[in-house]
PDB file of N, CA and C in Angstrom:
ATOM      1  N   MET A   1     -10.482  -4.624  11.498  1.00  0.00           N
ATOM      2  CA  MET A   1     -11.209  -4.244  10.082  1.00  0.00           C
ATOM      3  C   MET A   1     -11.953  -2.906  10.632  1.00  0.00           C
ATOM      4  N   PHE A   2     -12.194  -1.884   9.827  1.00  0.00           N
ATOM      5  CA  PHE A   2     -12.653  -0.923  10.191  1.00  0.00           C
ATOM      6  C   PHE A   2     -14.199  -0.776   9.435  1.00  0.00           C
ATOM      7  N   LEU A   3     -15.078  -1.093  10.174  1.00  0.00           N
ATOM      8  CA  LEU A   3     -16.360  -0.940   9.842  1.00  0.00           C
ATOM      9  C   LEU A   3     -17.299   0.403   9.706  1.00  0.00           C
ATOM     10  N   GLY A   4     -16.658   1.110  10.455  1.00  0.00           N
ATOM     11  CA  GLY A   4     -17.543   2.711  10.700  1.00  0.00           C
ATOM     12  C   GLY A   4     -18.419   2.562  11.732  1.00  0.00           C
ATOM     13  N   ARG A   5     -19.326   3.556  11.504  1.00  0.00           N
ATOM     14  CA  ARG A   5     -20.476   3.605  12.595  1.00  0.00           C
ATOM     15  C   ARG A   5     -21.322   2.478  12.334  1.00  0.00           C
ATOM     16  N   VAL A   6     -22.318   2.484  13.395  1.00  0.00           N
ATOM     17  CA  VAL A   6     -23.292   1.415  13.744  1.00  0.00           C
ATOM     18  C   VAL A   6     -24.276   2.236  13.064  1.00  0.00           C
ATOM     19  N   VAL A   7     -25.396   1.438  12.097  1.00  0.00           N
ATOM     20  CA  VAL A   7     -26.287   2.261  11.596  1.00  0.00           C
ATOM     21  C   VAL A   7     -27.552   1.559  11.996  1.00  0.00           C
ATOM     22  N   ALA A   8     -28.350   2.516  13.088  1.00  0.00           N
ATOM     23  CA  ALA A   8     -29.638   1.947  13.551  1.00  0.00           C
ATOM     24  C   ALA A   8     -30.761   1.936  12.540  1.00  0.00           C
ATOM     25  N   PRO A   9     -31.353   1.344  12.889  1.00  0.00           N
ATOM     26  CA  PRO A   9     -32.832   1.213  12.082  1.00  0.00           C
ATOM     27  C   PRO A   9     -33.577   2.475  11.775  1.00  0.00           C
ATOM     28  N   GLY A  10     -33.609   2.704  10.477  1.00  0.00           N
ATOM     29  CA  GLY A  10     -34.388   4.367  10.323  1.00  0.00           C
ATOM     30  C   GLY A  10     -33.524   5.080  10.142  1.00  0.00           C
ATOM     31  N   GLU A  11     -31.834   5.073  10.272  1.00  0.00           N
ATOM     32  CA  GLU A  11     -30.956   5.986  10.285  1.00  0.00           C
ATOM     33  C   GLU A  11     -30.155   5.869   8.525  1.00  0.00           C
ATOM     34  N   PRO A  12     -29.767   7.105   8.119  1.00  0.00           N
ATOM     35  CA  PRO A  12     -29.318   6.715   6.605  1.00  0.00           C
ATOM     36  C   PRO A  12     -27.696   6.101   6.655  1.00  0.00           C
ATOM     37  N   ALA A  13     -27.755   5.339   5.538  1.00  0.00           N
ATOM     38  CA  ALA A  13     -26.242   4.748   5.560  1.00  0.00           C
ATOM     39  C   ALA A  13     -25.152   5.776   5.711  1.00  0.00           C
ATOM     40  N   TRP A  14     -25.399   6.791   5.091  1.00  0.00           N
ATOM     41  CA  TRP A  14     -24.250   8.132   4.871  1.00  0.00           C
ATOM     42  C   TRP A  14     -24.819   9.303   5.665  1.00  0.00           C
ATOM     43  N   ILE A  15     -24.323   9.615   6.674  1.00  0.00           N
ATOM     44  CA  ILE A  15     -24.469  11.275   6.932  1.00  0.00           C
ATOM     45  C   ILE A  15     -23.652  12.039   6.349  1.00  0.00           C
ATOM     46  N   GLU A  16     -24.155  13.331   6.606  1.00  0.00           N
ATOM     47  CA  GLU A  16     -23.250  14.601   5.773  1.00  0.00           C
ATOM     48  C   GLU A  16     -21.775  14.343   6.286  1.00  0.00           C
ATOM     49  N   GLU A  17     -21.644  14.050   7.384  1.00  0.00           N
ATOM     50  CA  GLU A  17     -19.804  13.914   7.894  1.00  0.00           C
ATOM     51  C   GLU A  17     -19.453  12.627   6.992  1.00  0.00           C
ATOM     52  N   ASP A  18     -19.598  11.909   6.876  1.00  0.00           N
ATOM     53  CA  ASP A  18     -19.523  10.574   6.015  1.00  0.00           C
ATOM     54  C   ASP A  18     -19.183  10.843   4.424  1.00  0.00           C
ATOM     55  N   ARG A  19     -20.190  12.024   4.085  1.00  0.00           N
ATOM     56  CA  ARG A  19     -19.956  12.105   2.681  1.00  0.00           C
ATOM     57  C   ARG A  19     -18.630  13.104   2.597  1.00  0.00           C
ATOM     58  N   ALA A  20     -18.774  13.979   3.653  1.00  0.00           N
ATOM     59  CA  ALA A  20     -17.457  15.002   3.606  1.00  0.00           C
ATOM     60  C   ALA A  20     -15.962  14.174   3.750  1.00  0.00           C
ATOM     61  N   TRP A  21     -16.094  13.048   4.434  1.00  0.00           N
ATOM     62  CA  TRP A  21     -14.814  12.729   4.489  1.00  0.00           C
ATOM     63  C   TRP A  21     -14.379  11.910   3.233  1.00  0.00           C
ATOM     64  N   ALA A  22     -15.497  11.191   2.597  1.00  0.00           N
ATOM     65  CA  ALA A  22     -15.405  10.551   1.230  1.00  0.00           C
ATOM     66  C   ALA A  22     -14.998  11.280   0.169  1.00  0.00           C
ATOM     67  N   LEU A  23     -15.575  12.681   0.344  1.00  0.00           N
ATOM     68  CA  LEU A  23     -15.266  13.621  -0.959  1.00  0.00           C
ATOM     69  C   LEU A  23     -14.041  14.022  -0.721  1.00  0.00           C
ATOM     70  N   ALA A  24     -13.229  14.317   0.648  1.00  0.00           N
ATOM     71  CA  ALA A  24     -12.048  14.735   0.949  1.00  0.00           C
ATOM     72  C   ALA A  24     -11.090  13.677   0.507  1.00  0.00           C
ATOM     73  N   LEU A  25     -11.342  12.630   0.879  1.00  0.00           N
ATOM     74  CA  LEU A  25     -10.149  11.391   0.591  1.00  0.00           C
ATOM     75  C   LEU A  25     -10.434  11.165  -1.084  1.00  0.00           C
ATOM     76  N   ALA A  26     -11.319  11.246  -1.844  1.00  0.00           N
ATOM     77  CA  ALA A  26     -11.271  11.236  -3.087  1.00  0.00           C
ATOM     78  C   ALA A  26     -10.657  12.509  -3.698  1.00  0.00           C
ATOM     79  N   GLU A  27     -10.435  13.735  -3.088  1.00  0.00           N
ATOM     80  CA  GLU A  27      -9.835  14.721  -3.495  1.00  0.00           C
ATOM     81  C   GLU A  27      -8.203  14.229  -3.452  1.00  0.00           C
ATOM     82  N   VAL A  28      -8.008  13.906  -2.492  1.00  0.00           N
ATOM     83  CA  VAL A  28      -6.532  13.640  -1.976  1.00  0.00           C
ATOM     84  C   VAL A  28      -6.198  12.513  -3.054  1.00  0.00           C
ATOM     85  N   GLU A  29      -7.041  11.527  -3.287  1.00  0.00           N
ATOM     86  CA  GLU A  29      -6.335  10.431  -4.381  1.00  0.00           C
ATOM     87  C   GLU A  29      -6.212  11.086  -5.870  1.00  0.00           C
ATOM     88  N   ALA A  30      -6.998  11.845  -6.042  1.00  0.00           N
ATOM     89  CA  ALA A  30      -7.022  12.547  -7.588  1.00  0.00           C
ATOM     90  C   ALA A  30      -5.940  13.493  -7.730  1.00  0.00           C
ATOM     91  N   ASP A  31      -5.553  13.800  -6.238  1.00  0.00           N
ATOM     92  CA  ASP A  31      -3.774  14.941  -6.670  1.00  0.00           C
ATOM     93  C   ASP A  31      -2.806  13.950  -6.214  1.00  0.00           C
ATOM     94  N   THR A  32      -2.734  12.527  -6.225  1.00  0.00           N
ATOM     95  CA  THR A  32      -1.613  11.690  -5.904  1.00  0.00           C
ATOM     96  C   THR A  32      -1.212  11.054  -7.102  1.00  0.00           C
ATOM     97  N   CYS A  33       0.073  10.919  -7.207  1.00  0.00           N
ATOM     98  CA  CYS A  33       0.682  10.343  -8.174  1.00  0.00           C
ATOM     99  C   CYS A  33       0.692   8.545  -7.847  1.00  0.00           C
ATOM    100  N   PRO A  34       0.333   7.845  -8.617  1.00  0.00           N
ATOM    101  CA  PRO A  34      -0.247   6.560  -8.414  1.00  0.00           C
ATOM    102  C   PRO A  34       1.303   5.651  -8.468  1.00  0.00           C
ATOM    103  N   ASP A  35       2.574   6.191  -8.812  1.00  0.00           N
ATOM    104  CA  ASP A  35       3.708   5.762  -8.819  1.00  0.00           C
ATOM    105  C   ASP A  35       4.614   5.875  -7.356  1.00  0.00           C
ATOM    106  N   CYS A  36       4.698   7.359  -6.759  1.00  0.00           N
ATOM    107  CA  CYS A  36       5.531   7.820  -6.120  1.00  0.00           C
ATOM    108  C   CYS A  36       4.390   8.136  -4.572  1.00  0.00           C
ATOM    109  N   GLY A  37       3.291   8.466  -4.902  1.00  0.00           N
ATOM    110  CA  GLY A  37       2.577   8.584  -3.752  1.00  0.00           C
ATOM    111  C   GLY A  37       2.628  10.025  -3.522  1.00  0.00           C
ATOM    112  N   GLN A  38       3.300  10.788  -4.315  1.00  0.00           N
ATOM    113  CA  GLN A  38       3.631  12.335  -3.863  1.00  0.00           C
ATOM    114  C   GLN A  38       2.247  13.119  -4.334  1.00  0.00           C
ATOM    115  N   PRO A  39       1.996  14.122  -3.612  1.00  0.00           N
ATOM    116  CA  PRO A  39       0.765  15.183  -4.464  1.00  0.00           C
ATOM    117  C   PRO A  39       1.558  15.569  -5.862  1.00  0.00           C
ATOM    118  N   TRP A  40       0.411  15.324  -6.866  1.00  0.00           N
ATOM    119  CA  TRP A  40       0.601  15.987  -8.033  1.00  0.00           C
ATOM    120  C   TRP A  40       0.655  17.435  -8.248  1.00  0.00           C
ATOM    121  N   SER A  41       0.054  17.889  -7.454  1.00  0.00           N
ATOM    122  CA  SER A  41       0.032  19.533  -7.296  1.00  0.00           C
ATOM    123  C   SER A  41       1.512  19.720  -7.155  1.00  0.00           C
ATOM    124  N   GLU A  42       2.315  19.548  -6.389  1.00  0.00           N
ATOM    125  CA  GLU A  42       3.542  19.662  -5.879  1.00  0.00           C
ATOM    126  C   GLU A  42       4.487  19.051  -6.402  1.00  0.00           C
ATOM    127  N   ALA A  43       4.530  17.716  -6.737  1.00  0.00           N
ATOM    128  CA  ALA A  43       5.340  17.306  -7.814  1.00  0.00           C
ATOM    129  C   ALA A  43       5.743  17.359  -9.031  1.00  0.00           C
ATOM    130  N   THR A  44       4.584  18.002  -9.697  1.00  0.00           N
ATOM    131  CA  THR A  44       5.079  18.448 -11.081  1.00  0.00           C
ATOM    132  C   THR A  44       4.927  19.899 -11.243  1.00  0.00           C
ATOM    133  N   ASP A  45       5.277  20.950  -9.920  1.00  0.00           N
ATOM    134  CA  ASP A  45       5.487  22.132 -10.229  1.00  0.00           C
ATOM    135  C   ASP A  45       6.859  22.380 -10.736  1.00  0.00           C
ATOM    136  N   ALA A  46       7.012  23.163 -11.409  1.00  0.00           N
ATOM    137  CA  ALA A  46       8.311  23.531 -11.874  1.00  0.00           C
ATOM    138  C   ALA A  46       9.364  23.821 -10.877  1.00  0.00           C
ATOM    139  N   LYS A  47       8.544  24.962  -9.951  1.00  0.00           N
ATOM    140  CA  LYS A  47       9.558  25.104  -8.875  1.00  0.00           C
ATOM    141  C   LYS A  47      10.330  24.222  -8.054  1.00  0.00           C
ATOM    142  N   ASN A  48       9.393  22.965  -8.094  1.00  0.00           N
ATOM    143  CA  ASN A  48      10.161  21.885  -7.030  1.00  0.00           C
ATOM    144  C   ASN A  48      10.973  20.673  -8.022  1.00  0.00           C
ATOM    145  N   GLU A  49      11.592  20.944  -9.099  1.00  0.00           N
ATOM    146  CA  GLU A  49      12.286  20.145  -9.703  1.00  0.00           C
ATOM    147  C   GLU A  49      13.239  19.318  -8.860  1.00  0.00           C
ATOM    148  N   PHE A  50      14.014  20.210  -8.089  1.00  0.00           N
ATOM    149  CA  PHE A  50      15.429  19.638  -7.575  1.00  0.00           C
ATOM    150  C   PHE A  50      14.783  19.732  -6.066  1.00  0.00           C
ATOM    151  N   ALA A  51      13.620  19.684  -5.446  1.00  0.00           N
ATOM    152  CA  ALA A  51      13.382  19.415  -4.371  1.00  0.00           C
ATOM    153  C   ALA A  51      12.831  18.020  -3.470  1.00  0.00           C
ATOM    154  N   TYR A  52      13.202  16.861  -4.589  1.00  0.00           N
ATOM    155  CA  TYR A  52      12.943  15.715  -3.837  1.00  0.00           C
ATOM    156  C   TYR A  52      14.251  14.927  -3.904  1.00  0.00           C
ATOM    157  N   ALA A  53      14.437  14.079  -3.020  1.00  0.00           N
ATOM    158  CA  ALA A  53      15.549  13.076  -2.849  1.00  0.00           C
ATOM    159  C   ALA A  53      15.294  11.792  -2.846  1.00  0.00           C
ATOM    160  N   ALA A  54      16.059  10.770  -3.180  1.00  0.00           N
ATOM    161  CA  ALA A  54      15.407   9.491  -3.462  1.00  0.00           C
ATOM    162  C   ALA A  54      16.672   8.666  -2.869  1.00  0.00           C
ATOM    163  N   ASP A  55      16.147   7.681  -2.455  1.00  0.00           N
ATOM    164  CA  ASP A  55      17.075   6.583  -1.282  1.00  0.00           C
ATOM    165  C   ASP A  55      16.468   5.071  -2.489  1.00  0.00           C
ATOM    166  N   LEU A  56      17.742   4.092  -2.591  1.00  0.00           N
ATOM    167  CA  LEU A  56      17.105   3.045  -2.919  1.00  0.00           C
ATOM    168  C   LEU A  56      17.160   2.177  -1.790  1.00  0.00           C
ATOM    169  N   VAL A  57      16.052   1.356  -1.844  1.00  0.00           N
ATOM    170  CA  VAL A  57      16.060   0.474  -0.621  1.00  0.00           C
ATOM    171  C   VAL A  57      15.574  -0.888  -1.368  1.00  0.00           C
ATOM    172  N   LEU A  58      16.290  -1.952  -0.841  1.00  0.00           N
ATOM    173  CA  LEU A  58      16.263  -3.410  -1.419  1.00  0.00           C
ATOM    174  C   LEU A  58      15.087  -3.851  -0.452  1.00  0.00           C
ATOM    175  N   CYS A  59      13.993  -4.599  -1.312  1.00  0.00           N
ATOM    176  CA  CYS A  59      13.150  -5.472  -0.580  1.00  0.00           C
ATOM    177  C   CYS A  59      13.516  -6.819  -0.682  1.00  0.00           C
ATOM    178  N   HIS A  60      14.037  -7.739   0.259  1.00  0.00           N
ATOM    179  CA  HIS A  60      14.595  -8.813  -0.029  1.00  0.00           C
ATOM    180  C   HIS A  60      13.404 -10.038  -0.676  1.00  0.00           C
ATOM    181  N   ALA A  61      12.125  -9.636  -0.301  1.00  0.00           N
ATOM    182  CA  ALA A  61      10.812 -10.337  -0.779  1.00  0.00           C
ATOM    183  C   ALA A  61      10.813 -10.569  -2.209  1.00  0.00           C
ATOM    184  N   CYS A  62      10.951  -9.316  -2.832  1.00  0.00           N
ATOM    185  CA  CYS A  62      10.578  -8.558  -4.069  1.00  0.00           C
ATOM    186  C   CYS A  62      12.231  -9.319  -4.904  1.00  0.00           C
ATOM    187  N   ALA A  63      13.324  -9.142  -4.185  1.00  0.00           N
ATOM    188  CA  ALA A  63      14.500  -9.639  -5.122  1.00  0.00           C
ATOM    189  C   ALA A  63      14.294 -11.106  -5.160  1.00  0.00           C
ATOM    190  N   THR A  64      13.992 -11.889  -4.146  1.00  0.00           N
ATOM    191  CA  THR A  64      13.941 -12.906  -4.066  1.00  0.00           C
ATOM    192  C   THR A  64      12.751 -13.574  -5.315  1.00  0.00           C
ATOM    193  N   SER A  65      11.718 -12.962  -5.379  1.00  0.00           N
ATOM    194  CA  SER A  65      10.519 -13.051  -6.409  1.00  0.00           C
ATOM    195  C   SER A  65      11.197 -13.146  -7.783  1.00  0.00           C
ATOM    196  N   ALA A  66      11.756 -11.681  -7.956  1.00  0.00           N
ATOM    197  CA  ALA A  66      12.277 -11.373  -9.421  1.00  0.00           C
ATOM    198  C   ALA A  66      13.609 -12.469  -9.766  1.00  0.00           C
ATOM    199  N   LYS A  67      14.220 -12.596  -8.900  1.00  0.00           N
ATOM    200  CA  LYS A  67      15.260 -14.292  -9.192  1.00  0.00           C
ATOM    201  C   LYS A  67      14.520 -15.253  -9.693  1.00  0.00           C
ATOM    202  N   THR A  68      13.710 -15.526  -9.034  1.00  0.00           N
ATOM    203  CA  THR A  68      13.017 -16.760  -9.027  1.00  0.00           C
ATOM    204  C   THR A  68      12.339 -16.881 -10.602  1.00  0.00           C
ATOM    205  N   VAL A  69      11.494 -15.397 -10.710  1.00  0.00           N
ATOM    206  CA  VAL A  69      10.782 -15.583 -12.037  1.00  0.00           C
ATOM    207  C   VAL A  69      11.787 -15.619 -13.220  1.00  0.00           C
ATOM    208  N   ARG A  70      12.998 -14.813 -13.105  1.00  0.00           N
ATOM    209  CA  ARG A  70      14.169 -14.737 -14.038  1.00  0.00           C
ATOM    210  C   ARG A  70      14.565 -16.198 -14.199  1.00  0.00           C
ATOM    211  N   ALA A  71      15.012 -17.258 -13.218  1.00  0.00           N
ATOM    212  CA  ALA A  71      15.463 -18.390 -13.310  1.00  0.00           C
ATOM    213  C   ALA A  71      14.463 -19.047 -14.388  1.00  0.00           C
ATOM    214  N   HIS A  72      12.981 -18.914 -13.961  1.00  0.00           N
ATOM    215  CA  HIS A  72      12.193 -19.624 -14.263  1.00  0.00           C
ATOM    216  C   HIS A  72      12.168 -19.494 -16.178  1.00  0.00           C
ATOM    217  N   GLN A  73      12.205 -17.971 -16.452  1.00  0.00           N
ATOM    218  CA  GLN A  73      12.143 -17.650 -17.866  1.00  0.00           C
ATOM    219  C   GLN A  73      13.386 -18.051 -18.363  1.00  0.00           C
ATOM    220  N   ASN A  74      14.851 -17.930 -17.866  1.00  0.00           N
ATOM    221  CA  ASN A  74      16.013 -18.608 -18.313  1.00  0.00           C
ATOM    222  C   ASN A  74      15.906 -20.091 -18.702  1.00  0.00           C
ATOM    223  N   GLY A  75      15.046 -20.786 -17.945  1.00  0.00           N
ATOM    224  CA  GLY A  75      14.876 -21.944 -18.196  1.00  0.00           C
ATOM    225  C   GLY A  75      13.598 -22.256 -19.279  1.00  0.00           C
ATOM    226  N   LYS A  76      13.562 -21.065 -20.049  1.00  0.00           N
ATOM    227  CA  LYS A  76      12.491 -21.366 -21.263  1.00  0.00           C
ATOM    228  C   LYS A  76      10.841 -21.500 -20.583  1.00  0.00           C
ATOM    229  N   GLY A  77      10.636 -21.187 -19.381  1.00  0.00           N
ATOM    230  CA  GLY A  77       9.201 -21.358 -18.645  1.00  0.00           C
ATOM    231  C   GLY A  77       8.583 -20.209 -19.275  1.00  0.00           C
ATOM    232  N   SER A  78       7.048 -20.247 -19.293  1.00  0.00           N
ATOM    233  CA  SER A  78       6.365 -19.410 -19.587  1.00  0.00           C
ATOM    234  C   SER A  78       5.852 -18.440 -18.399  1.00  0.00           C
ATOM    235  N   THR A  79       5.596 -17.255 -18.343  1.00  0.00           N
ATOM    236  CA  THR A  79       5.211 -16.485 -17.297  1.00  0.00           C
ATOM    237  C   THR A  79       3.447 -16.218 -17.527  1.00  0.00           C
ATOM    238  N   ASP A  80       2.961 -16.282 -18.363  1.00  0.00           N
ATOM    239  CA  ASP A  80       1.651 -16.578 -18.734  1.00  0.00           C
ATOM    240  C   ASP A  80       0.869 -17.000 -17.405  1.00  0.00           C
ATOM    241  N   GLY A  81       0.268 -16.145 -16.791  1.00  0.00           N
ATOM    242  CA  GLY A  81      -0.572 -16.399 -15.762  1.00  0.00           C
ATOM    243  C   GLY A  81       0.347 -17.022 -14.354  1.00  0.00           C
ATOM    244  N   LEU A  82       1.444 -16.607 -14.520  1.00  0.00           N
ATOM    245  CA  LEU A  82       2.506 -16.694 -13.116  1.00  0.00           C
ATOM    246  C   LEU A  82       2.172 -16.078 -12.187  1.00  0.00           C
ATOM    247  N   HIS A  83       1.986 -16.708 -10.894  1.00  0.00           N
ATOM    248  CA  HIS A  83       2.026 -15.833  -9.921  1.00  0.00           C
ATOM    249  C   HIS A  83       3.022 -16.147  -8.814  1.00  0.00           C
ATOM    250  N   VAL A  84       3.521 -15.276  -7.771  1.00  0.00           N
ATOM    251  CA  VAL A  84       4.305 -15.687  -7.445  1.00  0.00           C
ATOM    252  C   VAL A  84       4.002 -15.847  -5.679  1.00  0.00           C
ATOM    253  N   HIS A  85       3.941 -16.729  -5.109  1.00  0.00           N
ATOM    254  CA  HIS A  85       3.776 -16.855  -3.671  1.00  0.00           C
ATOM    255  C   HIS A  85       4.862 -16.825  -2.882  1.00  0.00           C
ATOM    256  N   LEU A  86       5.188 -16.175  -2.202  1.00  0.00           N
ATOM    257  CA  LEU A  86       6.118 -15.698  -0.942  1.00  0.00           C
ATOM    258  C   LEU A  86       6.024 -15.946   0.532  1.00  0.00           C
ATOM    259  N   GLU A  87       6.718 -16.493   1.075  1.00  0.00           N
ATOM    260  CA  GLU A  87       6.609 -16.744   2.560  1.00  0.00           C
ATOM    261  C   GLU A  87       7.830 -16.671   3.027  1.00  0.00           C
ATOM    262  N   ARG A  88       7.855 -16.126   4.442  1.00  0.00           N
ATOM    263  CA  ARG A  88       9.082 -15.999   5.334  1.00  0.00           C
ATOM    264  C   ARG A  88       9.186 -17.043   5.928  1.00  0.00           C
ATOM    265  N   ARG A  89      10.629 -17.436   5.676  1.00  0.00           N
ATOM    266  CA  ARG A  89      11.095 -18.768   6.415  1.00  0.00           C
ATOM    267  C   ARG A  89      11.211 -18.323   7.652  1.00  0.00           C
ATOM    268  N   ASN A  90      11.202 -19.497   8.569  1.00  0.00           N
ATOM    269  CA  ASN A  90      11.454 -19.530   9.976  1.00  0.00           C
ATOM    270  C   ASN A  90      13.197 -19.324  10.315  1.00  0.00           C
ATOM    271  N   ALA A  91      13.487 -18.831  11.541  1.00  0.00           N
ATOM    272  CA  ALA A  91      14.764 -18.671  11.873  1.00  0.00           C
ATOM    273  C   ALA A  91      15.954 -19.355  11.934  1.00  0.00           C
ATOM    274  N   LYS A  92      15.265 -20.786  12.000  1.00  0.00           N
ATOM    275  CA  LYS A  92      16.160 -21.973  12.050  1.00  0.00           C
ATOM    276  C   LYS A  92      16.650 -22.430  10.335  1.00  0.00           C
ATOM    277  N   ASN A  93      16.049 -21.879   9.477  1.00  0.00           N
ATOM    278  CA  ASN A  93      16.037 -21.952   8.334  1.00  0.00           C
ATOM    279  C   ASN A  93      17.071 -20.950   7.262  1.00  0.00           C
ATOM    280  N   THR A  94      17.017 -19.680   8.251  1.00  0.00           N
ATOM    281  CA  THR A  94      17.916 -18.318   7.619  1.00  0.00           C
ATOM    282  C   THR A  94      19.080 -18.040   8.505  1.00  0.00           C
ATOM    283  N   GLY A  95      19.038 -18.503   9.687  1.00  0.00           N
ATOM    284  CA  GLY A  95      19.956 -17.932  10.573  1.00  0.00           C
ATOM    285  C   GLY A  95      19.761 -16.773  10.989  1.00  0.00           C
ATOM    286  N   GLY A  96      18.550 -16.114  10.459  1.00  0.00           N
ATOM    287  CA  GLY A  96      18.075 -14.846  11.561  1.00  0.00           C
ATOM    288  C   GLY A  96      17.192 -15.361  12.478  1.00  0.00           C
ATOM    289  N   GLU A  97      16.382 -13.866  12.919  1.00  0.00           N
ATOM    290  CA  GLU A  97      15.760 -14.036  13.799  1.00  0.00           C
ATOM    291  C   GLU A  97      14.477 -14.449  13.588  1.00  0.00           C
ATOM    292  N   PRO A  98      13.608 -14.781  14.433  1.00  0.00           N
ATOM    293  CA  PRO A  98      11.991 -15.628  14.213  1.00  0.00           C
ATOM    294  C   PRO A  98      11.291 -13.790  14.167  1.00  0.00           C
ATOM    295  N   TRP A  99      10.251 -13.909  13.362  1.00  0.00           N
ATOM    296  CA  TRP A  99       9.428 -12.731  13.069  1.00  0.00           C
ATOM    297  C   TRP A  99       8.364 -12.557  14.106  1.00  0.00           C
TER     298      TRP A  99
END
């Protein structure tokens, strides 16, 4: 856990450098698409319409989660308040390598 600098008694909680870093982060976050993480200023520029390539990646954890929820729904189960708990099985249960 990053806790930052240690503030001594009588010192301000934020110094000018802290404020500058916080403002820089806010500026970057304001220019970031929440879905793909690309900068809005680049990704929405018309000249970049064909500048991106995409690859599909299968997350086995998300796939298992989605299949479990779909089976629950197909059995007429409600998804109201439903949360999915995922945990990785150990190697002897999957035939794979231990993590």
